[in-house]
Protein backbone atom coordinates (compact mmCIF):
# COMPACT_ATOMS: atom_id res chain seq x y z
CA MET A 1 10.90 -2.94 15.14
CA HIS A 2 11.16 -2.56 18.92
CA GLN A 3 8.23 -3.52 21.18
CA ASP A 4 7.98 -0.03 22.61
CA GLN A 5 7.58 1.61 19.21
CA PRO A 6 3.96 2.50 18.09
CA LEU A 7 2.77 0.36 15.24
CA ASP A 8 1.62 3.34 13.25
CA ARG A 9 5.27 4.51 12.93
CA ALA A 10 6.26 1.34 11.24
CA SER A 11 6.52 2.86 7.73
CA GLY A 12 8.96 5.49 9.18
CA TRP A 13 10.94 2.78 10.82
CA GLN A 14 11.25 0.95 7.51
CA ARG A 15 12.46 4.06 5.69
CA SER A 16 14.96 5.12 8.27
CA LEU A 17 16.50 1.80 9.08
CA GLY A 18 16.01 0.09 5.72
CA PRO A 19 14.75 -3.49 5.44
CA PRO A 20 15.03 -5.77 8.46
CA ALA A 21 17.92 -8.24 8.64
CA ASN A 22 16.14 -11.36 7.43
CA VAL A 23 15.37 -10.04 3.93
CA GLY A 24 16.34 -13.33 2.22
CA GLY A 25 14.08 -15.22 4.60
CA ARG A 26 11.07 -13.00 3.84
CA GLN A 27 11.76 -13.05 0.06
CA ALA A 28 11.68 -16.84 0.25
CA ALA A 29 8.53 -16.73 2.21
CA ARG A 30 6.91 -14.52 -0.36
CA ARG A 31 7.91 -16.98 -3.05
CA LEU A 32 6.40 -19.77 -1.06
CA ALA A 33 3.25 -17.77 -0.63
CA ARG A 34 2.71 -17.57 -4.42
CA HIS A 35 2.47 -21.43 -4.63
CA PRO A 36 -0.35 -22.97 -2.59
CA THR A 37 1.39 -26.23 -1.93
CA ASP A 38 4.70 -24.80 -0.85
CA PRO A 39 3.40 -22.96 2.37
CA GLU A 40 1.78 -26.24 3.48
CA ILE A 41 5.01 -28.13 3.06
CA ALA A 42 7.07 -25.29 4.77
CA ALA A 43 4.55 -25.00 7.59
CA ALA A 44 4.36 -28.67 8.17
CA ARG A 45 8.16 -28.96 8.27
CA GLU A 46 8.43 -26.12 10.74
CA ARG A 47 5.73 -27.53 13.03
CA ARG A 48 7.82 -30.78 13.24
CA GLU A 49 10.99 -28.88 13.95
CA THR A 50 9.44 -26.33 16.38
CA PRO A 51 6.18 -27.79 17.73
CA ASP A 52 5.90 -25.36 20.66
CA ARG A 53 5.91 -22.12 18.56
CA MET A 54 2.77 -20.43 17.59
CA GLY A 55 2.00 -20.23 13.84
CA VAL A 56 0.91 -16.75 12.88
CA VAL A 57 -0.49 -15.39 9.62
CA VAL A 58 -0.23 -11.70 8.90
CA ALA A 59 -2.70 -9.87 6.65
CA PHE A 60 -2.29 -6.18 5.75
CA ASP A 61 -2.68 -4.40 2.42
CA GLN A 62 0.06 -1.92 3.27
CA PRO A 63 3.39 -3.68 2.50
CA LEU A 64 5.50 -1.44 4.78
CA LEU A 65 3.23 -2.13 7.74
CA ARG A 66 2.99 -5.76 6.98
CA GLU A 67 6.77 -6.09 6.90
CA ALA A 68 7.24 -4.23 10.13
CA ILE A 69 4.66 -6.29 12.00
CA ARG A 70 6.20 -9.44 10.65
CA ALA A 71 9.64 -8.33 11.87
CA LEU A 72 8.17 -7.42 15.29
CA LEU A 73 6.61 -10.89 15.73
CA GLU A 74 9.47 -12.91 14.24
CA ALA A 75 11.79 -11.28 16.99
CA GLU A 76 9.77 -13.42 19.57
CA ARG A 77 11.16 -16.91 20.19
CA ASP A 78 7.71 -18.48 20.67
CA LEU A 79 6.18 -16.98 17.41
CA ARG A 80 6.69 -18.07 13.80
CA ILE A 81 5.22 -16.42 10.75
CA ILE A 82 3.88 -18.92 8.29
CA GLY A 83 2.22 -16.65 5.76
CA GLU A 84 1.59 -13.01 4.90
CA TYR A 85 -1.12 -11.64 2.55
CA GLY A 86 -2.59 -8.38 1.47
CA ASP A 87 -5.99 -9.46 0.14
CA GLY A 88 -9.05 -10.56 2.19
CA ARG A 89 -10.08 -13.39 -0.06
CA GLU A 90 -6.45 -14.74 -0.31
CA VAL A 91 -6.00 -14.78 3.46
CA VAL A 92 -9.31 -16.73 3.89
CA GLN A 93 -8.03 -19.39 1.58
CA ALA A 94 -4.54 -19.42 3.19
CA VAL A 95 -5.87 -19.84 6.69
CA LYS A 96 -7.98 -22.80 5.60
CA ARG A 97 -4.81 -24.31 4.19
CA LEU A 98 -2.36 -23.45 6.88
CA ALA A 99 -4.51 -23.56 9.98
CA PRO A 100 -2.38 -21.07 11.95
CA ASP A 101 -2.89 -20.61 15.67
CA VAL A 102 -3.50 -16.82 15.25
CA LEU A 103 -4.27 -14.49 12.35
CA VAL A 104 -3.27 -10.82 12.74
CA VAL A 105 -5.50 -8.92 10.35
CA SER A 106 -5.99 -5.32 9.28
CA LEU A 107 -9.52 -4.03 9.61
CA MET A 108 -9.30 -2.59 6.06
CA LEU A 109 -8.47 -5.19 3.35
CA PRO A 110 -9.37 -5.29 -0.29
CA ARG A 111 -12.06 -7.63 -1.66
CA LEU A 112 -13.05 -8.74 1.89
CA SER A 113 -12.69 -6.54 4.85
CA GLY A 114 -11.00 -7.65 8.09
CA LEU A 115 -14.39 -8.00 9.70
CA GLU A 116 -15.63 -10.27 6.90
CA VAL A 117 -12.52 -12.33 7.13
CA THR A 118 -12.96 -12.61 10.90
CA ARG A 119 -16.58 -13.57 10.56
CA HIS A 120 -15.94 -16.20 7.93
CA LEU A 121 -13.09 -17.75 9.92
CA ARG A 122 -15.23 -17.99 13.06
CA GLU A 123 -17.63 -20.12 11.08
CA HIS A 124 -15.22 -22.21 9.06
CA VAL A 125 -11.85 -22.30 10.90
CA PRO A 126 -12.84 -21.71 14.53
CA THR A 127 -9.46 -23.07 15.83
CA THR A 128 -7.66 -20.04 14.35
CA ARG A 129 -7.91 -16.98 16.68
CA VAL A 130 -8.09 -13.51 15.25
CA VAL A 131 -6.43 -10.28 16.40
CA ILE A 132 -7.59 -7.18 14.53
CA VAL A 133 -5.17 -4.30 14.06
CA SER A 134 -6.71 -1.01 13.23
CA MET A 135 -5.95 2.77 13.05
CA TYR A 136 -9.28 3.40 14.91
CA ALA A 137 -8.69 3.48 18.66
CA SER A 138 -12.41 3.17 19.19
CA GLU A 139 -14.23 1.01 21.69
CA LEU A 140 -17.24 0.85 19.32
CA TYR A 141 -15.01 -0.48 16.58
CA ALA A 142 -13.41 -2.96 18.99
CA ALA A 143 -16.82 -4.15 20.12
CA ASN A 144 -17.81 -4.66 16.43
CA GLY A 145 -14.64 -6.75 15.95
CA LEU A 146 -15.37 -8.95 18.93
CA ARG A 147 -18.90 -9.31 17.76
CA HIS A 148 -17.65 -10.77 14.45
CA GLY A 149 -15.40 -13.27 16.31
CA ALA A 150 -12.05 -11.57 17.11
CA VAL A 151 -10.49 -12.10 20.49
CA GLY A 152 -8.14 -9.19 20.34
CA TYR A 153 -8.07 -5.59 19.01
CA VAL A 154 -4.92 -3.42 18.83
CA ALA A 155 -4.82 0.14 17.83
CA THR A 156 -1.91 1.05 15.60
CA ALA A 157 -1.03 3.94 17.98
CA ALA A 158 -0.32 1.38 20.61
CA ARG A 159 3.21 0.11 21.42
CA GLY A 160 4.38 -3.00 19.70
CA LYS A 161 4.49 -4.94 22.86
CA HIS A 162 0.69 -4.79 22.94
CA LEU A 163 0.46 -6.69 19.65
CA VAL A 164 2.81 -9.34 21.05
CA LYS A 165 0.65 -9.72 24.14
CA ALA A 166 -2.53 -9.87 22.10
CA VAL A 167 -1.17 -12.65 19.98
CA ARG A 168 -0.09 -14.69 23.00
CA ALA A 169 -3.49 -14.12 24.70
CA ALA A 170 -5.34 -15.05 21.51
CA ARG A 171 -3.84 -18.55 21.40
CA SER A 172 -5.58 -19.44 24.61
CA GLY A 173 -8.75 -17.64 23.66
CA ARG A 174 -8.20 -14.75 26.13
CA ARG A 175 -9.43 -11.37 25.06
CA TYR A 176 -6.96 -8.57 24.71
CA LEU A 177 -7.53 -4.83 24.19
CA SER A 178 -4.67 -2.39 23.67
CA PRO A 179 -4.63 1.04 25.37
CA PRO A 180 -6.49 3.33 25.35
CA LEU A 181 -9.38 0.81 24.94
CA THR A 182 -10.95 -0.57 28.14
CA ALA A 183 -12.90 -3.75 28.80
CA ARG A 184 -15.65 -1.70 30.55
CA GLY A 185 -16.11 0.63 27.51
CA VAL A 186 -16.17 -2.22 24.99
CA ASP A 187 -18.56 -4.27 27.04
CA ALA A 188 -20.81 -1.26 27.30
CA HIS A 189 -21.06 -1.07 23.54
CA LEU A 190 -21.71 -4.86 23.28
CA LYS A 191 -24.55 -4.60 25.75
CA ARG A 192 -26.17 -1.50 24.05
CA THR A 193 -26.91 -3.60 20.94
CA PRO A 194 -30.38 -5.11 21.42
CA ALA A 195 -30.39 -8.82 20.80
CA THR A 196 -33.50 -8.44 18.59
CA ALA A 197 -31.96 -5.79 16.36
CA VAL A 198 -31.24 -7.12 12.81
CA ASP A 199 -28.67 -5.45 10.76
CA PRO A 200 -29.62 -5.93 7.01
CA TYR A 201 -25.96 -6.48 6.27
CA ASN A 202 -25.97 -9.59 8.35
CA ILE A 203 -28.54 -11.27 6.19
CA LEU A 204 -26.40 -11.02 3.13
CA THR A 205 -24.82 -14.26 2.02
CA THR A 206 -21.03 -14.64 1.76
CA ARG A 207 -21.20 -14.32 -1.97
CA GLU A 208 -23.43 -11.25 -1.83
CA ARG A 209 -20.89 -9.57 0.51
CA GLU A 210 -18.07 -10.25 -1.92
CA VAL A 211 -20.16 -8.75 -4.78
CA LEU A 212 -20.97 -5.69 -2.50
CA HIS A 213 -17.22 -5.19 -1.85
CA LEU A 214 -16.34 -5.40 -5.50
CA ALA A 215 -19.24 -3.20 -6.62
CA ALA A 216 -18.29 -0.59 -4.03
CA ASP A 217 -14.88 -0.49 -5.61
CA GLY A 218 -16.43 0.28 -8.99
CA PHE A 219 -16.38 -3.21 -10.50
CA SER A 220 -18.84 -3.76 -13.32
CA ASN A 221 -20.95 -6.88 -13.38
CA PRO A 222 -18.69 -8.53 -16.04
CA ARG A 223 -15.59 -7.75 -13.94
CA VAL A 224 -17.27 -9.01 -10.72
CA ALA A 225 -18.14 -12.16 -12.65
CA ALA A 226 -14.53 -12.63 -13.85
CA THR A 227 -13.03 -11.94 -10.43
CA LEU A 228 -15.31 -14.34 -8.60
CA GLY A 229 -15.38 -17.10 -11.38
CA ILE A 230 -19.14 -16.87 -11.88
CA SER A 231 -21.35 -16.07 -14.77
CA ARG A 232 -22.40 -12.47 -15.56
CA ARG A 233 -26.05 -13.33 -14.97
CA THR A 234 -25.19 -14.83 -11.54
CA ALA A 235 -23.31 -11.70 -10.67
CA GLU A 236 -26.24 -9.55 -11.68
CA THR A 237 -28.59 -11.69 -9.54
CA HIS A 238 -26.34 -11.42 -6.49
CA ARG A 239 -26.18 -7.59 -7.01
CA ALA A 240 -29.93 -7.30 -7.31
CA HIS A 241 -30.47 -9.37 -4.20
CA LEU A 242 -28.00 -7.38 -2.02
CA MET A 243 -29.43 -4.06 -3.26
CA ARG A 244 -32.91 -5.23 -2.29
CA LYS A 245 -31.89 -6.46 1.11
CA LEU A 246 -30.00 -3.26 1.83
CA ARG A 247 -32.76 -1.09 0.33
CA LEU A 248 -30.36 0.56 -2.02
CA ARG A 249 -31.44 1.85 -5.53
CA THR A 250 -28.38 3.26 -7.16
CA GLN A 251 -24.61 2.77 -7.47
CA THR A 252 -24.17 6.05 -5.55
CA GLU A 253 -26.27 4.83 -2.75
CA LEU A 254 -24.23 1.55 -2.71
CA VAL A 255 -20.93 3.44 -2.49
CA ARG A 256 -22.26 5.71 0.21
CA TYR A 257 -23.39 2.68 2.18
CA ALA A 258 -20.03 1.04 1.82
CA ILE A 259 -18.21 4.29 3.03
CA GLU A 260 -20.53 4.53 6.04
CA ARG A 261 -19.85 0.99 6.96
CA ARG A 262 -16.13 1.46 6.24
CA ILE A 263 -16.19 -1.57 3.88
């Protein structure tokens, strides 16, 4: 993928040119990713061999876009991909293990959204900087991403070079916004939110948010319990608490709420 190509054309690039050259390397990386101890060993080895290169984790639920973004970043001499994931909860655990310099994450991920991943990592792995990639070229969305802890926001309609710039800026903690977003517009949205305003979503616990995401996807309480490794009664309790905090009464209202928040 060339730096001047829009990110949202990545799927077409993959179909027209076929898989990038380093197929074997990526297949090996995917095999490593399936075993928690292997990525740690591989990452540690690569850090010793190339200490000046930035370690980057890529998280997208769309395989073609994930592959294309990986190829784009791997083409840069100062960047190295140490993991790729398609699930929000998986990427949180991976970042805790691998401690990358930068996480490039989609706004939309299953199980935990990109915003939730960003918020969690800001609290628990603050040394990893986050760049959000989204189809929404919206200064309001960008402001929300920054509010959750991201330092960069790149629209998929932007050229690939902007993602590369965002990743490099993120390592030093510098904010980066891709065109057509402007710092003035994003800052205006940040200032419009009163400091005293309390979003009910923000008072949910991390577990309640996980239950909300799964419930919005249609998971029953037994399935939520099995997915999160908790008892059915605990899942029911979390669900009741989040429904009360969000002032929701039915499953239909819960799904509507999730759609409106783009969870």
